Protein backbone atom coordinates (compact mmCIF):
# COMPACT_ATOMS: atom_id res chain seq x y z
CA MET A 1 20.85 9.35 -38.45
CA CYS A 2 20.22 10.22 -42.06
CA LEU A 3 22.97 10.55 -44.75
CA ALA A 4 22.91 12.26 -48.45
CA VAL A 5 24.98 10.98 -50.95
CA PRO A 6 26.45 12.22 -54.26
CA GLY A 7 25.66 11.80 -57.40
CA LEU A 8 26.60 12.71 -60.98
CA ILE A 9 23.22 13.50 -63.27
CA VAL A 10 23.55 11.00 -66.26
CA SER A 11 20.45 12.83 -67.94
CA ILE A 12 17.15 14.91 -67.27
CA ILE A 13 13.49 13.92 -67.70
CA GLU A 14 11.53 17.12 -68.37
CA PRO A 15 7.78 17.10 -67.59
CA PRO A 16 5.26 18.45 -70.12
CA PRO A 17 4.95 22.28 -69.66
CA GLN A 18 1.17 22.25 -70.18
CA GLN A 19 1.11 19.90 -66.92
CA GLU A 20 0.24 21.48 -63.84
CA GLU A 21 3.19 22.38 -61.78
CA ALA A 22 5.44 20.38 -64.09
CA TYR A 23 8.91 21.38 -62.10
CA LEU A 24 7.45 19.19 -59.56
CA PHE A 25 7.85 16.27 -61.89
CA ARG A 26 11.39 17.49 -63.34
CA SER A 27 13.65 13.98 -62.58
CA GLY A 28 17.31 12.79 -63.87
CA LYS A 29 19.16 9.41 -63.96
CA VAL A 30 21.58 9.99 -61.31
CA SER A 31 24.77 7.25 -61.41
CA PHE A 32 26.49 6.80 -57.98
CA GLY A 33 29.14 4.97 -58.75
CA GLY A 34 27.95 3.03 -61.62
CA ILE A 35 24.65 1.97 -60.48
CA VAL A 36 22.44 4.61 -61.51
CA LYS A 37 18.86 5.74 -59.97
CA GLU A 38 16.21 7.79 -61.30
CA VAL A 39 15.95 10.50 -58.89
CA ASN A 40 13.45 13.92 -58.00
CA LEU A 41 14.94 17.34 -59.22
CA ALA A 42 12.53 19.76 -58.52
CA CYS A 43 14.92 21.46 -55.50
CA VAL A 44 17.80 22.17 -58.09
CA PRO A 45 15.98 23.41 -60.89
CA ASP A 46 19.65 24.91 -62.56
CA ALA A 47 21.00 21.42 -62.55
CA VAL A 48 21.96 19.78 -65.47
CA VAL A 49 23.49 16.81 -67.26
CA GLY A 50 27.23 16.59 -65.96
CA ASP A 51 26.33 18.54 -62.32
CA TYR A 52 26.89 16.11 -59.06
CA VAL A 53 24.15 16.58 -56.97
CA VAL A 54 23.13 15.19 -53.42
CA VAL A 55 21.13 13.02 -52.72
CA HIS A 56 18.28 12.16 -49.80
CA VAL A 57 15.71 9.48 -50.26
CA GLY A 58 15.14 9.97 -53.93
CA PHE A 59 15.11 13.85 -53.67
CA ALA A 60 18.46 16.16 -54.93
CA LEU A 61 18.92 18.66 -52.20
CA SER A 62 21.80 20.20 -53.76
CA VAL A 63 23.84 21.02 -56.80
CA LEU A 64 27.60 20.73 -55.66
CA ASP A 65 31.31 20.93 -57.79
CA GLU A 66 33.25 18.05 -58.58
CA GLU A 67 36.10 18.55 -56.58
CA GLU A 68 33.64 18.24 -53.26
CA ALA A 69 31.65 15.61 -54.74
CA GLN A 70 34.54 13.50 -55.31
CA GLN A 71 36.51 14.77 -51.83
CA THR A 72 33.08 13.10 -49.76
CA LEU A 73 33.06 9.99 -52.03
CA GLN A 74 36.84 9.61 -50.55
CA ASP A 75 35.74 9.95 -47.36
CA LEU A 76 32.64 7.72 -47.51
CA ARG A 77 35.18 5.43 -48.90
CA GLN A 78 37.43 5.40 -46.33
CA LEU A 79 34.68 5.14 -43.36
CA GLY A 80 33.62 1.88 -45.65
CA VAL A 81 30.37 3.00 -46.97
CA SER A 82 29.83 2.27 -50.71
CA ALA A 83 28.30 4.65 -52.68
């Protein structure tokens, strides 16, 4: 079973624009309940600091609103999963 977890983007690292296919290397620091990891943001080009993103194996797959993210985190806590 695979699990994607919501996290909050706290900073974005933009690659140099002259780098070939720079959008593939866009990344950011994402907080998962205080644990911050670097995540690839290529699949969510419109994501900004303060957005919640769904992350699976180091890649942000989609942006979701805060209410949905908080509900998902609450559901995970009820299942005994710390996210």
